[in-house]
mmCIF file of all heavy atoms, coordinates in Angstrom:
data_MODEL
# 
_entry.id   MODEL 
# 
loop_
_atom_site.group_PDB 
_atom_site.id 
_atom_site.type_symbol 
_atom_site.label_atom_id 
_atom_site.label_alt_id 
_atom_site.label_comp_id 
_atom_site.label_asym_id 
_atom_site.label_entity_id 
_atom_site.label_seq_id 
_atom_site.pdbx_PDB_ins_code 
_atom_site.Cartn_x 
_atom_site.Cartn_y 
_atom_site.Cartn_z 
_atom_site.occupancy 
_atom_site.B_iso_or_equiv 
_atom_site.pdbx_formal_charge 
_atom_site.auth_seq_id 
_atom_site.auth_comp_id 
_atom_site.auth_asym_id 
_atom_site.auth_atom_id 
_atom_site.pdbx_PDB_model_num 
ATOM 1   N N   . ARG A 1 1  ? -15.165 -36.058 -75.198 1.00 0.00 ? 1  ARG A N   1 
ATOM 2   C CA  . ARG A 1 1  ? -13.946 -36.194 -74.359 1.00 0.00 ? 1  ARG A CA  1 
ATOM 3   C C   . ARG A 1 1  ? -14.309 -36.212 -72.908 1.00 0.00 ? 1  ARG A C   1 
ATOM 4   O O   . ARG A 1 1  ? -14.603 -35.142 -72.420 1.00 0.00 ? 1  ARG A O   1 
ATOM 5   C CB  . ARG A 1 1  ? -12.970 -35.120 -74.657 1.00 0.00 ? 1  ARG A CB  1 
ATOM 6   C CG  . ARG A 1 1  ? -11.672 -35.249 -73.976 1.00 0.00 ? 1  ARG A CG  1 
ATOM 7   C CD  . ARG A 1 1  ? -10.587 -36.013 -74.779 1.00 0.00 ? 1  ARG A CD  1 
ATOM 8   N NE  . ARG A 1 1  ? -10.437 -37.401 -74.401 1.00 0.00 ? 1  ARG A NE  1 
ATOM 9   C CZ  . ARG A 1 1  ? -9.724  -38.264 -75.095 1.00 0.00 ? 1  ARG A CZ  1 
ATOM 10  N NH1 . ARG A 1 1  ? -9.307  -37.977 -76.287 1.00 0.00 ? 1  ARG A NH1 1 
ATOM 11  N NH2 . ARG A 1 1  ? -9.653  -39.493 -74.678 1.00 0.00 ? 1  ARG A NH2 1 
ATOM 12  N N   . GLU A 1 2  ? -14.454 -37.341 -72.354 1.00 0.00 ? 2  GLU A N   1 
ATOM 13  C CA  . GLU A 1 2  ? -14.754 -37.447 -70.915 1.00 0.00 ? 2  GLU A CA  1 
ATOM 14  C C   . GLU A 1 2  ? -13.442 -37.408 -70.162 1.00 0.00 ? 2  GLU A C   1 
ATOM 15  O O   . GLU A 1 2  ? -12.734 -38.413 -70.084 1.00 0.00 ? 2  GLU A O   1 
ATOM 16  C CB  . GLU A 1 2  ? -15.501 -38.711 -70.597 1.00 0.00 ? 2  GLU A CB  1 
ATOM 17  C CG  . GLU A 1 2  ? -16.923 -38.794 -71.203 1.00 0.00 ? 2  GLU A CG  1 
ATOM 18  C CD  . GLU A 1 2  ? -17.967 -37.976 -70.344 1.00 0.00 ? 2  GLU A CD  1 
ATOM 19  O OE1 . GLU A 1 2  ? -17.502 -37.245 -69.497 1.00 0.00 ? 2  GLU A OE1 1 
ATOM 20  O OE2 . GLU A 1 2  ? -19.138 -38.158 -70.623 1.00 0.00 ? 2  GLU A OE2 1 
ATOM 21  N N   . HIS A 1 3  ? -13.054 -36.239 -69.641 1.00 0.00 ? 3  HIS A N   1 
ATOM 22  C CA  . HIS A 1 3  ? -11.754 -36.073 -68.999 1.00 0.00 ? 3  HIS A CA  1 
ATOM 23  C C   . HIS A 1 3  ? -11.633 -36.993 -67.777 1.00 0.00 ? 3  HIS A C   1 
ATOM 24  O O   . HIS A 1 3  ? -10.496 -37.518 -67.532 1.00 0.00 ? 3  HIS A O   1 
ATOM 25  C CB  . HIS A 1 3  ? -11.493 -34.632 -68.606 1.00 0.00 ? 3  HIS A CB  1 
ATOM 26  C CG  . HIS A 1 3  ? -11.506 -33.651 -69.831 1.00 0.00 ? 3  HIS A CG  1 
ATOM 27  N ND1 . HIS A 1 3  ? -10.419 -33.644 -70.681 1.00 0.00 ? 3  HIS A ND1 1 
ATOM 28  C CD2 . HIS A 1 3  ? -12.409 -32.797 -70.287 1.00 0.00 ? 3  HIS A CD2 1 
ATOM 29  C CE1 . HIS A 1 3  ? -10.701 -32.786 -71.658 1.00 0.00 ? 3  HIS A CE1 1 
ATOM 30  N NE2 . HIS A 1 3  ? -11.857 -32.258 -71.449 1.00 0.00 ? 3  HIS A NE2 1 
ATOM 31  N N   . TRP A 1 4  ? -12.679 -37.218 -67.061 1.00 0.00 ? 4  TRP A N   1 
ATOM 32  C CA  . TRP A 1 4  ? -12.622 -38.045 -65.849 1.00 0.00 ? 4  TRP A CA  1 
ATOM 33  C C   . TRP A 1 4  ? -12.330 -39.526 -66.257 1.00 0.00 ? 4  TRP A C   1 
ATOM 34  O O   . TRP A 1 4  ? -11.629 -40.226 -65.514 1.00 0.00 ? 4  TRP A O   1 
ATOM 35  C CB  . TRP A 1 4  ? -13.836 -37.963 -65.020 1.00 0.00 ? 4  TRP A CB  1 
ATOM 36  C CG  . TRP A 1 4  ? -15.148 -38.398 -65.670 1.00 0.00 ? 4  TRP A CG  1 
ATOM 37  C CD1 . TRP A 1 4  ? -15.953 -37.662 -66.443 1.00 0.00 ? 4  TRP A CD1 1 
ATOM 38  C CD2 . TRP A 1 4  ? -15.665 -39.724 -65.648 1.00 0.00 ? 4  TRP A CD2 1 
ATOM 39  N NE1 . TRP A 1 4  ? -17.013 -38.431 -66.863 1.00 0.00 ? 4  TRP A NE1 1 
ATOM 40  C CE2 . TRP A 1 4  ? -16.852 -39.688 -66.359 1.00 0.00 ? 4  TRP A CE2 1 
ATOM 41  C CE3 . TRP A 1 4  ? -15.307 -40.894 -65.057 1.00 0.00 ? 4  TRP A CE3 1 
ATOM 42  C CZ2 . TRP A 1 4  ? -17.729 -40.810 -66.593 1.00 0.00 ? 4  TRP A CZ2 1 
ATOM 43  C CZ3 . TRP A 1 4  ? -16.094 -42.065 -65.186 1.00 0.00 ? 4  TRP A CZ3 1 
ATOM 44  C CH2 . TRP A 1 4  ? -17.280 -41.942 -65.941 1.00 0.00 ? 4  TRP A CH2 1 
ATOM 45  N N   . MET A 1 5  ? -12.837 -39.928 -67.468 1.00 0.00 ? 5  MET A N   1 
ATOM 46  C CA  . MET A 1 5  ? -12.526 -41.276 -67.937 1.00 0.00 ? 5  MET A CA  1 
ATOM 47  C C   . MET A 1 5  ? -11.055 -41.435 -68.275 1.00 0.00 ? 5  MET A C   1 
ATOM 48  O O   . MET A 1 5  ? -10.402 -42.422 -68.046 1.00 0.00 ? 5  MET A O   1 
ATOM 49  C CB  . MET A 1 5  ? -13.405 -41.643 -69.073 1.00 0.00 ? 5  MET A CB  1 
ATOM 50  C CG  . MET A 1 5  ? -14.825 -41.965 -68.685 1.00 0.00 ? 5  MET A CG  1 
ATOM 51  S SD  . MET A 1 5  ? -15.839 -42.517 -70.031 1.00 0.00 ? 5  MET A SD  1 
ATOM 52  C CE  . MET A 1 5  ? -14.916 -44.059 -70.519 1.00 0.00 ? 5  MET A CE  1 
ATOM 53  N N   . ASP A 1 6  ? -10.507 -40.334 -68.887 1.00 0.00 ? 6  ASP A N   1 
ATOM 54  C CA  . ASP A 1 6  ? -9.083  -40.366 -69.143 1.00 0.00 ? 6  ASP A CA  1 
ATOM 55  C C   . ASP A 1 6  ? -8.285  -40.480 -67.865 1.00 0.00 ? 6  ASP A C   1 
ATOM 56  O O   . ASP A 1 6  ? -7.280  -41.253 -67.786 1.00 0.00 ? 6  ASP A O   1 
ATOM 57  C CB  . ASP A 1 6  ? -8.637  -39.037 -69.825 1.00 0.00 ? 6  ASP A CB  1 
ATOM 58  C CG  . ASP A 1 6  ? -9.115  -38.988 -71.290 1.00 0.00 ? 6  ASP A CG  1 
ATOM 59  O OD1 . ASP A 1 6  ? -9.344  -40.082 -71.902 1.00 0.00 ? 6  ASP A OD1 1 
ATOM 60  O OD2 . ASP A 1 6  ? -9.251  -37.862 -71.789 1.00 0.00 ? 6  ASP A OD2 1 
ATOM 61  N N   . ALA A 1 7  ? -8.654  -39.772 -66.812 1.00 0.00 ? 7  ALA A N   1 
ATOM 62  C CA  . ALA A 1 7  ? -7.985  -39.824 -65.507 1.00 0.00 ? 7  ALA A CA  1 
ATOM 63  C C   . ALA A 1 7  ? -8.116  -41.253 -64.899 1.00 0.00 ? 7  ALA A C   1 
ATOM 64  O O   . ALA A 1 7  ? -7.119  -41.748 -64.402 1.00 0.00 ? 7  ALA A O   1 
ATOM 65  C CB  . ALA A 1 7  ? -8.595  -38.773 -64.561 1.00 0.00 ? 7  ALA A CB  1 
ATOM 66  N N   . LEU A 1 8  ? -9.326  -41.878 -64.997 1.00 0.00 ? 8  LEU A N   1 
ATOM 67  C CA  . LEU A 1 8  ? -9.428  -43.240 -64.475 1.00 0.00 ? 8  LEU A CA  1 
ATOM 68  C C   . LEU A 1 8  ? -8.539  -44.192 -65.209 1.00 0.00 ? 8  LEU A C   1 
ATOM 69  O O   . LEU A 1 8  ? -7.901  -45.082 -64.658 1.00 0.00 ? 8  LEU A O   1 
ATOM 70  C CB  . LEU A 1 8  ? -10.894 -43.641 -64.547 1.00 0.00 ? 8  LEU A CB  1 
ATOM 71  C CG  . LEU A 1 8  ? -11.869 -42.952 -63.630 1.00 0.00 ? 8  LEU A CG  1 
ATOM 72  C CD1 . LEU A 1 8  ? -13.261 -43.463 -63.807 1.00 0.00 ? 8  LEU A CD1 1 
ATOM 73  C CD2 . LEU A 1 8  ? -11.441 -43.011 -62.169 1.00 0.00 ? 8  LEU A CD2 1 
ATOM 74  N N   . ARG A 1 9  ? -8.512  -44.016 -66.582 1.00 0.00 ? 9  ARG A N   1 
ATOM 75  C CA  . ARG A 1 9  ? -7.654  -44.905 -67.375 1.00 0.00 ? 9  ARG A CA  1 
ATOM 76  C C   . ARG A 1 9  ? -6.176  -44.683 -67.006 1.00 0.00 ? 9  ARG A C   1 
ATOM 77  O O   . ARG A 1 9  ? -5.421  -45.626 -66.996 1.00 0.00 ? 9  ARG A O   1 
ATOM 78  C CB  . ARG A 1 9  ? -7.898  -44.521 -68.878 1.00 0.00 ? 9  ARG A CB  1 
ATOM 79  C CG  . ARG A 1 9  ? -7.431  -45.617 -69.768 1.00 0.00 ? 9  ARG A CG  1 
ATOM 80  C CD  . ARG A 1 9  ? -7.823  -45.257 -71.239 1.00 0.00 ? 9  ARG A CD  1 
ATOM 81  N NE  . ARG A 1 9  ? -9.282  -45.312 -71.368 1.00 0.00 ? 9  ARG A NE  1 
ATOM 82  C CZ  . ARG A 1 9  ? -10.062 -44.270 -71.711 1.00 0.00 ? 9  ARG A CZ  1 
ATOM 83  N NH1 . ARG A 1 9  ? -9.508  -43.086 -71.857 1.00 0.00 ? 9  ARG A NH1 1 
ATOM 84  N NH2 . ARG A 1 9  ? -11.375 -44.411 -71.850 1.00 0.00 ? 9  ARG A NH2 1 
ATOM 85  N N   . GLY A 1 10 ? -5.840  -43.434 -66.742 1.00 0.00 ? 10 GLY A N   1 
ATOM 86  C CA  . GLY A 1 10 ? -4.483  -43.093 -66.330 1.00 0.00 ? 10 GLY A CA  1 
ATOM 87  C C   . GLY A 1 10 ? -4.121  -43.748 -65.011 1.00 0.00 ? 10 GLY A C   1 
ATOM 88  O O   . GLY A 1 10 ? -3.015  -44.338 -64.866 1.00 0.00 ? 10 GLY A O   1 
ATOM 89  N N   . VAL A 1 11 ? -5.031  -43.708 -64.043 1.00 0.00 ? 11 VAL A N   1 
ATOM 90  C CA  . VAL A 1 11 ? -4.800  -44.366 -62.760 1.00 0.00 ? 11 VAL A CA  1 
ATOM 91  C C   . VAL A 1 11 ? -4.587  -45.854 -62.994 1.00 0.00 ? 11 VAL A C   1 
ATOM 92  O O   . VAL A 1 11 ? -3.679  -46.520 -62.426 1.00 0.00 ? 11 VAL A O   1 
ATOM 93  C CB  . VAL A 1 11 ? -5.963  -44.088 -61.788 1.00 0.00 ? 11 VAL A CB  1 
ATOM 94  C CG1 . VAL A 1 11 ? -5.847  -45.028 -60.552 1.00 0.00 ? 11 VAL A CG1 1 
ATOM 95  C CG2 . VAL A 1 11 ? -6.003  -42.667 -61.403 1.00 0.00 ? 11 VAL A CG2 1 
ATOM 96  N N   . ALA A 1 12 ? -5.498  -46.465 -63.718 1.00 0.00 ? 12 ALA A N   1 
ATOM 97  C CA  . ALA A 1 12 ? -5.411  -47.883 -63.963 1.00 0.00 ? 12 ALA A CA  1 
ATOM 98  C C   . ALA A 1 12 ? -4.125  -48.328 -64.618 1.00 0.00 ? 12 ALA A C   1 
ATOM 99  O O   . ALA A 1 12 ? -3.471  -49.319 -64.195 1.00 0.00 ? 12 ALA A O   1 
ATOM 100 C CB  . ALA A 1 12 ? -6.633  -48.400 -64.812 1.00 0.00 ? 12 ALA A CB  1 
ATOM 101 N N   . VAL A 1 13 ? -3.639  -47.637 -65.650 1.00 0.00 ? 13 VAL A N   1 
ATOM 102 C CA  . VAL A 1 13 ? -2.401  -48.009 -66.322 1.00 0.00 ? 13 VAL A CA  1 
ATOM 103 C C   . VAL A 1 13 ? -1.203  -47.797 -65.457 1.00 0.00 ? 13 VAL A C   1 
ATOM 104 O O   . VAL A 1 13 ? -0.270  -48.556 -65.471 1.00 0.00 ? 13 VAL A O   1 
ATOM 105 C CB  . VAL A 1 13 ? -2.299  -47.348 -67.708 1.00 0.00 ? 13 VAL A CB  1 
ATOM 106 C CG1 . VAL A 1 13 ? -1.897  -45.883 -67.586 1.00 0.00 ? 13 VAL A CG1 1 
ATOM 107 C CG2 . VAL A 1 13 ? -1.337  -48.105 -68.574 1.00 0.00 ? 13 VAL A CG2 1 
ATOM 108 N N   . LEU A 1 14 ? -1.231  -46.714 -64.672 1.00 0.00 ? 14 LEU A N   1 
ATOM 109 C CA  . LEU A 1 14 ? -0.165  -46.476 -63.727 1.00 0.00 ? 14 LEU A CA  1 
ATOM 110 C C   . LEU A 1 14 ? -0.059  -47.588 -62.687 1.00 0.00 ? 14 LEU A C   1 
ATOM 111 O O   . LEU A 1 14 ? 1.055   -48.021 -62.279 1.00 0.00 ? 14 LEU A O   1 
ATOM 112 C CB  . LEU A 1 14 ? -0.202  -45.115 -63.066 1.00 0.00 ? 14 LEU A CB  1 
ATOM 113 C CG  . LEU A 1 14 ? 0.045   -43.923 -63.982 1.00 0.00 ? 14 LEU A CG  1 
ATOM 114 C CD1 . LEU A 1 14 ? -0.258  -42.583 -63.281 1.00 0.00 ? 14 LEU A CD1 1 
ATOM 115 C CD2 . LEU A 1 14 ? 1.531   -43.908 -64.483 1.00 0.00 ? 14 LEU A CD2 1 
ATOM 116 N N   . LEU A 1 15 ? -1.192  -48.044 -62.234 1.00 0.00 ? 15 LEU A N   1 
ATOM 117 C CA  . LEU A 1 15 ? -1.212  -49.168 -61.260 1.00 0.00 ? 15 LEU A CA  1 
ATOM 118 C C   . LEU A 1 15 ? -0.709  -50.432 -61.905 1.00 0.00 ? 15 LEU A C   1 
ATOM 119 O O   . LEU A 1 15 ? -0.064  -51.247 -61.249 1.00 0.00 ? 15 LEU A O   1 
ATOM 120 C CB  . LEU A 1 15 ? -2.635  -49.371 -60.763 1.00 0.00 ? 15 LEU A CB  1 
ATOM 121 C CG  . LEU A 1 15 ? -3.143  -48.334 -59.783 1.00 0.00 ? 15 LEU A CG  1 
ATOM 122 C CD1 . LEU A 1 15 ? -4.585  -48.551 -59.431 1.00 0.00 ? 15 LEU A CD1 1 
ATOM 123 C CD2 . LEU A 1 15 ? -2.311  -48.340 -58.463 1.00 0.00 ? 15 LEU A CD2 1 
ATOM 124 N N   . VAL A 1 16 ? -0.981  -50.630 -63.206 1.00 0.00 ? 16 VAL A N   1 
ATOM 125 C CA  . VAL A 1 16 ? -0.403  -51.797 -63.930 1.00 0.00 ? 16 VAL A CA  1 
ATOM 126 C C   . VAL A 1 16 ? 1.074   -51.706 -63.913 1.00 0.00 ? 16 VAL A C   1 
ATOM 127 O O   . VAL A 1 16 ? 1.774   -52.743 -63.609 1.00 0.00 ? 16 VAL A O   1 
ATOM 128 C CB  . VAL A 1 16 ? -0.947  -51.845 -65.377 1.00 0.00 ? 16 VAL A CB  1 
ATOM 129 C CG1 . VAL A 1 16 ? -0.150  -52.891 -66.169 1.00 0.00 ? 16 VAL A CG1 1 
ATOM 130 C CG2 . VAL A 1 16 ? -2.417  -52.173 -65.369 1.00 0.00 ? 16 VAL A CG2 1 
ATOM 131 N N   . VAL A 1 17 ? 1.674   -50.576 -64.226 1.00 0.00 ? 17 VAL A N   1 
ATOM 132 C CA  . VAL A 1 17 ? 3.112   -50.423 -64.266 1.00 0.00 ? 17 VAL A CA  1 
ATOM 133 C C   . VAL A 1 17 ? 3.653   -50.647 -62.844 1.00 0.00 ? 17 VAL A C   1 
ATOM 134 O O   . VAL A 1 17 ? 4.689   -51.387 -62.695 1.00 0.00 ? 17 VAL A O   1 
ATOM 135 C CB  . VAL A 1 17 ? 3.543   -48.994 -64.780 1.00 0.00 ? 17 VAL A CB  1 
ATOM 136 C CG1 . VAL A 1 17 ? 5.030   -48.927 -64.745 1.00 0.00 ? 17 VAL A CG1 1 
ATOM 137 C CG2 . VAL A 1 17 ? 3.007   -48.831 -66.179 1.00 0.00 ? 17 VAL A CG2 1 
ATOM 138 N N   . PHE A 1 18 ? 3.039   -50.030 -61.824 1.00 0.00 ? 18 PHE A N   1 
ATOM 139 C CA  . PHE A 1 18 ? 3.519   -50.223 -60.498 1.00 0.00 ? 18 PHE A CA  1 
ATOM 140 C C   . PHE A 1 18 ? 3.501   -51.657 -60.040 1.00 0.00 ? 18 PHE A C   1 
ATOM 141 O O   . PHE A 1 18 ? 4.480   -52.196 -59.468 1.00 0.00 ? 18 PHE A O   1 
ATOM 142 C CB  . PHE A 1 18 ? 2.681   -49.408 -59.451 1.00 0.00 ? 18 PHE A CB  1 
ATOM 143 C CG  . PHE A 1 18 ? 2.906   -49.737 -58.072 1.00 0.00 ? 18 PHE A CG  1 
ATOM 144 C CD1 . PHE A 1 18 ? 4.091   -49.286 -57.432 1.00 0.00 ? 18 PHE A CD1 1 
ATOM 145 C CD2 . PHE A 1 18 ? 2.038   -50.540 -57.357 1.00 0.00 ? 18 PHE A CD2 1 
ATOM 146 C CE1 . PHE A 1 18 ? 4.317   -49.619 -56.081 1.00 0.00 ? 18 PHE A CE1 1 
ATOM 147 C CE2 . PHE A 1 18 ? 2.244   -50.854 -56.040 1.00 0.00 ? 18 PHE A CE2 1 
ATOM 148 C CZ  . PHE A 1 18 ? 3.389   -50.427 -55.409 1.00 0.00 ? 18 PHE A CZ  1 
ATOM 149 N N   . THR A 1 19 ? 2.406   -52.397 -60.356 1.00 0.00 ? 19 THR A N   1 
ATOM 150 C CA  . THR A 1 19 ? 2.295   -53.786 -59.993 1.00 0.00 ? 19 THR A CA  1 
ATOM 151 C C   . THR A 1 19 ? 3.428   -54.606 -60.607 1.00 0.00 ? 19 THR A C   1 
ATOM 152 O O   . THR A 1 19 ? 4.059   -55.429 -59.981 1.00 0.00 ? 19 THR A O   1 
ATOM 153 C CB  . THR A 1 19 ? 0.972   -54.353 -60.434 1.00 0.00 ? 19 THR A CB  1 
ATOM 154 O OG1 . THR A 1 19 ? -0.089  -53.689 -59.765 1.00 0.00 ? 19 THR A OG1 1 
ATOM 155 C CG2 . THR A 1 19 ? 0.826   -55.842 -60.116 1.00 0.00 ? 19 THR A CG2 1 
ATOM 156 N N   . HIS A 1 20 ? 3.652   -54.311 -61.929 1.00 0.00 ? 20 HIS A N   1 
ATOM 157 C CA  . HIS A 1 20 ? 4.695   -55.099 -62.606 1.00 0.00 ? 20 HIS A CA  1 
ATOM 158 C C   . HIS A 1 20 ? 6.124   -54.787 -62.125 1.00 0.00 ? 20 HIS A C   1 
ATOM 159 O O   . HIS A 1 20 ? 6.982   -55.668 -62.097 1.00 0.00 ? 20 HIS A O   1 
ATOM 160 C CB  . HIS A 1 20 ? 4.642   -54.841 -64.119 1.00 0.00 ? 20 HIS A CB  1 
ATOM 161 C CG  . HIS A 1 20 ? 3.455   -55.471 -64.748 1.00 0.00 ? 20 HIS A CG  1 
ATOM 162 N ND1 . HIS A 1 20 ? 2.991   -55.137 -66.010 1.00 0.00 ? 20 HIS A ND1 1 
ATOM 163 C CD2 . HIS A 1 20 ? 2.660   -56.473 -64.314 1.00 0.00 ? 20 HIS A CD2 1 
ATOM 164 C CE1 . HIS A 1 20 ? 1.949   -55.864 -66.327 1.00 0.00 ? 20 HIS A CE1 1 
ATOM 165 N NE2 . HIS A 1 20 ? 1.728   -56.701 -65.324 1.00 0.00 ? 20 HIS A NE2 1 
ATOM 166 N N   . THR A 1 21 ? 6.341   -53.600 -61.673 1.00 0.00 ? 21 THR A N   1 
ATOM 167 C CA  . THR A 1 21 ? 7.700   -53.242 -61.093 1.00 0.00 ? 21 THR A CA  1 
ATOM 168 C C   . THR A 1 21 ? 7.970   -54.086 -59.812 1.00 0.00 ? 21 THR A C   1 
ATOM 169 O O   . THR A 1 21 ? 9.125   -54.281 -59.481 1.00 0.00 ? 21 THR A O   1 
ATOM 170 C CB  . THR A 1 21 ? 7.838   -51.797 -60.822 1.00 0.00 ? 21 THR A CB  1 
ATOM 171 O OG1 . THR A 1 21 ? 6.869   -51.341 -59.815 1.00 0.00 ? 21 THR A OG1 1 
ATOM 172 C CG2 . THR A 1 21 ? 7.720   -50.920 -62.065 1.00 0.00 ? 21 THR A CG2 1 
ATOM 173 N N   . TYR A 1 22 ? 6.899   -54.547 -59.156 1.00 0.00 ? 22 TYR A N   1 
ATOM 174 C CA  . TYR A 1 22 ? 7.099   -55.426 -57.963 1.00 0.00 ? 22 TYR A CA  1 
ATOM 175 C C   . TYR A 1 22 ? 7.080   -56.884 -58.363 1.00 0.00 ? 22 TYR A C   1 
ATOM 176 O O   . TYR A 1 22 ? 7.886   -57.662 -57.852 1.00 0.00 ? 22 TYR A O   1 
ATOM 177 C CB  . TYR A 1 22 ? 5.998   -55.083 -56.930 1.00 0.00 ? 22 TYR A CB  1 
ATOM 178 C CG  . TYR A 1 22 ? 6.052   -56.033 -55.757 1.00 0.00 ? 22 TYR A CG  1 
ATOM 179 C CD1 . TYR A 1 22 ? 7.185   -56.010 -54.880 1.00 0.00 ? 22 TYR A CD1 1 
ATOM 180 C CD2 . TYR A 1 22 ? 5.076   -56.970 -55.617 1.00 0.00 ? 22 TYR A CD2 1 
ATOM 181 C CE1 . TYR A 1 22 ? 7.241   -56.946 -53.814 1.00 0.00 ? 22 TYR A CE1 1 
ATOM 182 C CE2 . TYR A 1 22 ? 5.122   -57.915 -54.542 1.00 0.00 ? 22 TYR A CE2 1 
ATOM 183 C CZ  . TYR A 1 22 ? 6.193   -57.881 -53.654 1.00 0.00 ? 22 TYR A CZ  1 
ATOM 184 O OH  . TYR A 1 22 ? 6.295   -58.745 -52.667 1.00 0.00 ? 22 TYR A OH  1 
ATOM 185 N N   . THR A 1 23 ? 6.113   -57.287 -59.175 1.00 0.00 ? 23 THR A N   1 
ATOM 186 C CA  . THR A 1 23 ? 5.905   -58.719 -59.404 1.00 0.00 ? 23 THR A CA  1 
ATOM 187 C C   . THR A 1 23 ? 6.801   -59.332 -60.417 1.00 0.00 ? 23 THR A C   1 
ATOM 188 O O   . THR A 1 23 ? 7.268   -60.446 -60.292 1.00 0.00 ? 23 THR A O   1 
ATOM 189 C CB  . THR A 1 23 ? 4.460   -59.016 -59.815 1.00 0.00 ? 23 THR A CB  1 
ATOM 190 O OG1 . THR A 1 23 ? 4.151   -58.288 -61.003 1.00 0.00 ? 23 THR A OG1 1 
ATOM 191 C CG2 . THR A 1 23 ? 3.469   -58.553 -58.714 1.00 0.00 ? 23 THR A CG2 1 
ATOM 192 N N   . MET A 1 24 ? 7.105   -58.589 -61.497 1.00 0.00 ? 24 MET A N   1 
ATOM 193 C CA  . MET A 1 24 ? 7.860   -59.146 -62.645 1.00 0.00 ? 24 MET A CA  1 
ATOM 194 C C   . MET A 1 24 ? 9.293   -59.424 -62.352 1.00 0.00 ? 24 MET A C   1 
ATOM 195 O O   . MET A 1 24 ? 9.873   -60.430 -62.828 1.00 0.00 ? 24 MET A O   1 
ATOM 196 C CB  . MET A 1 24 ? 7.764   -58.259 -63.864 1.00 0.00 ? 24 MET A CB  1 
ATOM 197 C CG  . MET A 1 24 ? 6.364   -58.273 -64.476 1.00 0.00 ? 24 MET A CG  1 
ATOM 198 S SD  . MET A 1 24 ? 5.862   -59.947 -64.869 1.00 0.00 ? 24 MET A SD  1 
ATOM 199 C CE  . MET A 1 24 ? 4.198   -59.706 -65.519 1.00 0.00 ? 24 MET A CE  1 
ATOM 200 N N   . PRO A 1 25 ? 10.040  -58.634 -61.462 1.00 0.00 ? 25 PRO A N   1 
ATOM 201 C CA  . PRO A 1 25 ? 11.462  -59.015 -61.188 1.00 0.00 ? 25 PRO A CA  1 
ATOM 202 C C   . PRO A 1 25 ? 11.543  -60.434 -60.586 1.00 0.00 ? 25 PRO A C   1 
ATOM 203 O O   . PRO A 1 25 ? 12.527  -61.122 -60.862 1.00 0.00 ? 25 PRO A O   1 
ATOM 204 C CB  . PRO A 1 25 ? 11.889  -57.935 -60.207 1.00 0.00 ? 25 PRO A CB  1 
ATOM 205 C CG  . PRO A 1 25 ? 11.075  -56.747 -60.615 1.00 0.00 ? 25 PRO A CG  1 
ATOM 206 C CD  . PRO A 1 25 ? 9.724   -57.306 -60.957 1.00 0.00 ? 25 PRO A CD  1 
ATOM 207 N N   . GLN A 1 26 ? 10.528  -60.827 -59.786 1.00 0.00 ? 26 GLN A N   1 
ATOM 208 C CA  . GLN A 1 26 ? 10.599  -62.138 -59.217 1.00 0.00 ? 26 GLN A CA  1 
ATOM 209 C C   . GLN A 1 26 ? 10.527  -63.244 -60.275 1.00 0.00 ? 26 GLN A C   1 
ATOM 210 O O   . GLN A 1 26 ? 11.104  -64.308 -60.134 1.00 0.00 ? 26 GLN A O   1 
ATOM 211 C CB  . GLN A 1 26 ? 9.469   -62.291 -58.218 1.00 0.00 ? 26 GLN A CB  1 
ATOM 212 C CG  . GLN A 1 26 ? 9.528   -61.246 -57.102 1.00 0.00 ? 26 GLN A CG  1 
ATOM 213 C CD  . GLN A 1 26 ? 8.242   -61.262 -56.253 1.00 0.00 ? 26 GLN A CD  1 
ATOM 214 O OE1 . GLN A 1 26 ? 7.789   -62.276 -55.801 1.00 0.00 ? 26 GLN A OE1 1 
ATOM 215 N NE2 . GLN A 1 26 ? 7.726   -60.062 -56.007 1.00 0.00 ? 26 GLN A NE2 1 
ATOM 216 N N   . GLY A 1 27 ? 9.792   -62.937 -61.352 1.00 0.00 ? 27 GLY A N   1 
ATOM 217 C CA  . GLY A 1 27 ? 9.715   -63.907 -62.455 1.00 0.00 ? 27 GLY A CA  1 
ATOM 218 C C   . GLY A 1 27 ? 10.985  -63.859 -63.327 1.00 0.00 ? 27 GLY A C   1 
ATOM 219 O O   . GLY A 1 27 ? 11.134  -64.774 -64.225 1.00 0.00 ? 27 GLY A O   1 
# 
């Protein structure tokens, strides 16, 4: 269990959600 890898994965997926909350409404 690499906890730092979990944290990086968490950052990445939260950034995905954030990006979509801005880009997807326009679509």
